[in-house]
Each structure stands twice: as C-alpha cells, then as structure tokens.
C-alpha cells in the first residue's frame, strides 16, 4: 500500500507541475505574440542619405513591407527624430499623388524606400538630415 501511495503522490505532484509549466508557457507565448504583432505594425529606419532632389532615402527594402502586409495605396505615418509627423501615400510613382503631397516609394535603382514630396524637397521642408531616425506605421483605413 505504501508503494501505491507514493506513486500517486509523485504522480499528483508531477501532474500539478505540468499544469503550472503549461500555464506559464501559454502566458509567455501570449505576451510574445503581442510584442511581435506590435513590432509588425511599425518600422524603424535610418535616413541613409538625402538625394539630389531632397528626398529622404531610408535603408528599408520591400521585404519589410511585404512581411507586414503593407501594399501600394496604403497610408503611412512617418515620425522623424525631430518629432515631426506626416502622413504619406505608399505609391509606385511620384505622379500617383498630387503635386505638393507627401509620398513614399521604392527607388527603382537602389530598391530603398524613399520619403518625398511630389515636385518638392522634403529634406528642406522638414529640415531632415542624413543619419537621423524615422518610424513608419500603417494608418488604419476607415471602413467604407
């Protein structure tokens, strides 16, 4: 009888331990998932250069956008190290937005993401400098 009693005691302790470990693992995976999804909603980058037209060129490649499900036509919010925040349209060509509007596009020559003003100089307008930081996030579209 003693053998059976110890067996059940050990089995009970083991079962309780497994339940506690499972609860901890589920709790950790939920927290990690929340952090990952928050990170997937925005992108941080450095302005690698200000090109000859005053466009702010980042180090971002299209894979970062694809991983987040960001697509042409999306509205993005850019927050610069200066504290300035603008909304821009993610487009293929400069002419996809009216003259004077903010836009973001991938360079056909370098594949890097540029932030620009159609027929304007965003670096001069916002006093942006190379090597400064920018954070992008997708702006939710209103339901239609």
C-alpha atoms as a PDB file:
ATOM      1  CA  UNK A   1       0.000   0.000   0.000  1.00  0.00           C
ATOM      2  CA  UNK A   2       2.858   2.390   0.750  1.00  0.00           C
ATOM      3  CA  UNK A   3       4.246   1.931  -2.755  1.00  0.00           C
ATOM      4  CA  UNK A   4       0.912   2.852  -4.350  1.00  0.00           C
ATOM      5  CA  UNK A   5       0.503   5.883  -2.067  1.00  0.00           C
ATOM      6  CA  UNK A   6       3.940   7.239  -3.026  1.00  0.00           C
ATOM      7  CA  UNK A   7       3.252   6.579  -6.677  1.00  0.00           C
ATOM      8  CA  UNK A   8       0.052   8.629  -6.597  1.00  0.00           C
ATOM      9  CA  UNK A   9       1.714  11.362  -4.571  1.00  0.00           C
ATOM     10  CA  UNK A  10       4.530  11.632  -7.068  1.00  0.00           C
ATOM     11  CA  UNK A  11       2.062  11.415  -9.953  1.00  0.00           C
ATOM     12  CA  UNK A  12      -0.056  14.178  -8.402  1.00  0.00           C
ATOM     13  CA  UNK A  13       2.941  16.433  -7.873  1.00  0.00           C
ATOM     14  CA  UNK A  14       4.134  15.748 -11.405  1.00  0.00           C
ATOM     15  CA  UNK A  15       0.688  16.469 -12.847  1.00  0.00           C
ATOM     16  CA  UNK A  16       0.420  19.713 -10.865  1.00  0.00           C
ATOM     17  CA  UNK A  17       3.911  20.713 -12.031  1.00  0.00           C
ATOM     18  CA  UNK A  18       2.950  20.067 -15.639  1.00  0.00           C
ATOM     19  CA  UNK A  19      -0.149  22.223 -15.260  1.00  0.00           C
ATOM     20  CA  UNK A  20       1.885  25.082 -13.816  1.00  0.00           C
ATOM     21  CA  UNK A  21       4.505  24.826 -16.569  1.00  0.00           C
ATOM     22  CA  UNK A  22       1.794  24.721 -19.253  1.00  0.00           C
ATOM     23  CA  UNK A  23       0.134  27.824 -17.796  1.00  0.00           C
ATOM     24  CA  UNK A  24       3.452  29.679 -17.774  1.00  0.00           C
ATOM     25  CA  UNK A  25       4.234  28.690 -21.339  1.00  0.00           C
ATOM     26  CA  UNK A  26       0.822  29.789 -22.567  1.00  0.00           C
ATOM     27  CA  UNK A  27       1.199  33.089 -20.732  1.00  0.00           C
ATOM     28  CA  UNK A  28       4.641  33.679 -22.230  1.00  0.00           C
ATOM     29  CA  UNK A  29       3.531  32.848 -25.744  1.00  0.00           C
ATOM     30  CA  UNK A  30       0.626  35.289 -25.454  1.00  0.00           C
ATOM     31  CA  UNK A  31       2.946  38.087 -24.313  1.00  0.00           C
ATOM     32  CA  UNK A  32       5.455  37.314 -27.058  1.00  0.00           C
ATOM     33  CA  UNK A  33       2.693  37.305 -29.671  1.00  0.00           C
ATOM     34  CA  UNK A  34       1.535  40.739 -28.535  1.00  0.00           C
ATOM     35  CA  UNK A  35       5.054  42.138 -28.710  1.00  0.00           C
ATOM     36  CA  UNK A  36       5.613  40.632 -32.141  1.00  0.00           C
ATOM     37  CA  UNK A  37       2.347  41.977 -33.520  1.00  0.00           C
ATOM     38  CA  UNK A  38       3.129  45.454 -32.147  1.00  0.00           C
ATOM     39  CA  UNK A  39       6.557  45.308 -33.778  1.00  0.00           C
ATOM     40  CA  UNK A  40       4.960  44.211 -37.048  1.00  0.00           C
ATOM     41  CA  UNK A  41       2.773  47.327 -37.094  1.00  0.00           C
ATOM     42  CA  UNK A  42       5.689  49.704 -37.446  1.00  0.00           C
ATOM     43  CA  UNK A  43       9.145  50.007 -38.960  1.00  0.00           C
ATOM     44  CA  UNK A  44      12.097  51.991 -37.699  1.00  0.00           C
ATOM     45  CA  UNK A  45      14.816  53.085 -40.061  1.00  0.00           C
ATOM     46  CA  UNK A  46      17.689  55.456 -40.545  1.00  0.00           C
ATOM     47  CA  UNK A  47      17.790  58.062 -43.275  1.00  0.00           C
ATOM     48  CA  UNK A  48      20.834  56.817 -45.148  1.00  0.00           C
ATOM     49  CA  UNK A  49      21.031  59.855 -47.407  1.00  0.00           C
ATOM     50  CA  UNK A  50      19.315  62.932 -48.736  1.00  0.00           C
ATOM     51  CA  UNK A  51      19.436  62.558 -52.521  1.00  0.00           C
ATOM     52  CA  UNK A  52      19.982  65.286 -55.158  1.00  0.00           C
ATOM     53  CA  UNK A  53      16.239  66.041 -55.257  1.00  0.00           C
ATOM     54  CA  UNK A  54      15.866  66.431 -51.486  1.00  0.00           C
ATOM     55  CA  UNK A  55      14.227  63.024 -50.991  1.00  0.00           C
ATOM     56  CA  UNK A  56      14.890  61.203 -47.698  1.00  0.00           C
ATOM     57  CA  UNK A  57      16.278  57.761 -48.539  1.00  0.00           C
ATOM     58  CA  UNK A  58      15.990  55.030 -45.896  1.00  0.00           C
ATOM     59  CA  UNK A  59      17.724  51.687 -45.582  1.00  0.00           C
ATOM     60  CA  UNK A  60      14.390  49.839 -45.858  1.00  0.00           C
ATOM     61  CA  UNK A  61      13.828  47.239 -48.566  1.00  0.00           C
ATOM     62  CA  UNK A  62      10.481  45.969 -49.869  1.00  0.00           C
ATOM     63  CA  UNK A  63      10.695  42.714 -47.867  1.00  0.00           C
ATOM     64  CA  UNK A  64       9.998  44.626 -44.647  1.00  0.00           C
ATOM     65  CA  UNK A  65       6.764  46.000 -46.146  1.00  0.00           C
ATOM     66  CA  UNK A  66       5.723  42.646 -47.584  1.00  0.00           C
ATOM     67  CA  UNK A  67       6.240  40.945 -44.199  1.00  0.00           C
ATOM     68  CA  UNK A  68       3.780  43.414 -42.650  1.00  0.00           C
ATOM     69  CA  UNK A  69       1.231  43.159 -45.429  1.00  0.00           C
ATOM     70  CA  UNK A  70       1.734  46.800 -46.424  1.00  0.00           C
ATOM     71  CA  UNK A  71       0.697  47.465 -50.022  1.00  0.00           C
ATOM     72  CA  UNK A  72       0.729  50.189 -52.629  1.00  0.00           C
ATOM     73  CA  UNK A  73      -2.036  52.661 -51.841  1.00  0.00           C
ATOM     74  CA  UNK A  74      -1.692  52.327 -48.063  1.00  0.00           C
ATOM     75  CA  UNK A  75      -1.455  55.486 -45.991  1.00  0.00           C
ATOM     76  CA  UNK A  76       1.588  55.549 -43.721  1.00  0.00           C
ATOM     77  CA  UNK A  77       2.533  57.822 -40.870  1.00  0.00           C
ATOM     78  CA  UNK A  78       6.187  58.849 -40.657  1.00  0.00           C
ATOM     79  CA  UNK A  79       7.553  60.203 -37.384  1.00  0.00           C
ATOM     80  CA  UNK A  80      11.003  61.732 -37.643  1.00  0.00           C
ATOM     81  CA  UNK A  81      13.656  62.161 -34.947  1.00  0.00           C
ATOM     82  CA  UNK A  82      12.805  65.874 -34.971  1.00  0.00           C
ATOM     83  CA  UNK A  83       9.369  64.979 -33.593  1.00  0.00           C
ATOM     84  CA  UNK A  84       7.580  65.910 -36.810  1.00  0.00           C
ATOM     85  CA  UNK A  85       4.878  63.526 -38.019  1.00  0.00           C
ATOM     86  CA  UNK A  86       3.452  63.397 -41.531  1.00  0.00           C
ATOM     87  CA  UNK A  87       1.078  61.135 -43.405  1.00  0.00           C
ATOM     88  CA  UNK A  88       2.149  59.879 -46.795  1.00  0.00           C
ATOM     89  CA  UNK A  89       0.796  57.623 -49.505  1.00  0.00           C
ATOM     90  CA  UNK A  90       2.770  54.456 -50.362  1.00  0.00           C
ATOM     91  CA  UNK A  91       2.912  54.607 -54.169  1.00  0.00           C
ATOM     92  CA  UNK A  92       4.818  53.320 -57.172  1.00  0.00           C
ATOM     93  CA  UNK A  93       5.471  56.656 -58.899  1.00  0.00           C
ATOM     94  CA  UNK A  94       5.716  60.296 -57.884  1.00  0.00           C
ATOM     95  CA  UNK A  95       2.791  61.191 -60.153  1.00  0.00           C
ATOM     96  CA  UNK A  96       0.482  58.886 -58.171  1.00  0.00           C
ATOM     97  CA  UNK A  97      -0.140  61.764 -55.736  1.00  0.00           C
ATOM     98  CA  UNK A  98      -0.950  65.430 -56.445  1.00  0.00           C
ATOM     99  CA  UNK A  99       1.894  67.948 -56.685  1.00  0.00           C
ATOM    100  CA  UNK A 100       2.980  69.017 -53.205  1.00  0.00           C
ATOM    101  CA  UNK A 101       1.731  65.847 -51.422  1.00  0.00           C
ATOM    102  CA  UNK A 102       3.897  63.529 -49.352  1.00  0.00           C
ATOM    103  CA  UNK A 103       4.657  60.081 -50.741  1.00  0.00           C
ATOM    104  CA  UNK A 104       6.784  57.032 -50.102  1.00  0.00           C
ATOM    105  CA  UNK A 105       8.126  54.724 -52.796  1.00  0.00           C
ATOM    106  CA  UNK A 106      10.859  52.254 -53.502  1.00  0.00           C
ATOM    107  CA  UNK A 107      13.697  53.506 -55.691  1.00  0.00           C
ATOM    108  CA  UNK A 108      13.895  51.677 -58.998  1.00  0.00           C
ATOM    109  CA  UNK A 109      17.698  51.923 -58.949  1.00  0.00           C
ATOM    110  CA  UNK A 110      18.578  51.037 -55.325  1.00  0.00           C
ATOM    111  CA  UNK A 111      15.424  49.306 -54.072  1.00  0.00           C
ATOM    112  CA  UNK A 112      15.483  51.532 -50.955  1.00  0.00           C
ATOM    113  CA  UNK A 113      12.369  53.241 -49.576  1.00  0.00           C
ATOM    114  CA  UNK A 114      12.275  56.998 -50.184  1.00  0.00           C
ATOM    115  CA  UNK A 115      10.102  59.578 -48.468  1.00  0.00           C
ATOM    116  CA  UNK A 116       9.412  62.561 -50.687  1.00  0.00           C
ATOM    117  CA  UNK A 117       7.166  65.419 -51.722  1.00  0.00           C
ATOM    118  CA  UNK A 118       5.890  65.277 -55.293  1.00  0.00           C
ATOM    119  CA  UNK A 119       7.877  68.058 -57.011  1.00  0.00           C
ATOM    120  CA  UNK A 120       9.203  69.255 -53.678  1.00  0.00           C
ATOM    121  CA  UNK A 121      12.188  68.968 -51.351  1.00  0.00           C
ATOM    122  CA  UNK A 122      11.175  67.109 -48.189  1.00  0.00           C
ATOM    123  CA  UNK A 123      14.610  67.435 -46.592  1.00  0.00           C
ATOM    124  CA  UNK A 124      14.467  71.229 -46.814  1.00  0.00           C
ATOM    125  CA  UNK A 125      10.763  71.430 -45.915  1.00  0.00           C
ATOM    126  CA  UNK A 126      11.144  69.314 -42.748  1.00  0.00           C
ATOM    127  CA  UNK A 127      14.825  70.113 -42.060  1.00  0.00           C
ATOM    128  CA  UNK A 128      15.777  66.419 -42.281  1.00  0.00           C
ATOM    129  CA  UNK A 129      19.360  65.247 -42.001  1.00  0.00           C
ATOM    130  CA  UNK A 130      21.072  62.075 -43.137  1.00  0.00           C
ATOM    131  CA  UNK A 131      21.639  59.513 -40.342  1.00  0.00           C
ATOM    132  CA  UNK A 132      18.530  60.604 -38.432  1.00  0.00           C
ATOM    133  CA  UNK A 133      15.798  58.167 -37.464  1.00  0.00           C
ATOM    134  CA  UNK A 134      12.286  57.699 -38.819  1.00  0.00           C
ATOM    135  CA  UNK A 135       9.481  55.392 -37.705  1.00  0.00           C
ATOM    136  CA  UNK A 136       6.772  54.295 -40.116  1.00  0.00           C
ATOM    137  CA  UNK A 137       3.420  52.786 -39.253  1.00  0.00           C
ATOM    138  CA  UNK A 138       0.379  51.979 -41.339  1.00  0.00           C
ATOM    139  CA  UNK A 139      -2.638  54.193 -40.743  1.00  0.00           C
ATOM    140  CA  UNK A 140      -5.900  52.274 -40.441  1.00  0.00           C
ATOM    141  CA  UNK A 141      -8.259  52.964 -43.308  1.00  0.00           C
ATOM    142  CA  UNK A 142     -11.834  53.955 -42.430  1.00  0.00           C
ATOM    143  CA  UNK A 143     -14.487  51.333 -43.254  1.00  0.00           C
ATOM    144  CA  UNK A 144     -16.433  52.100 -46.399  1.00  0.00           C
END
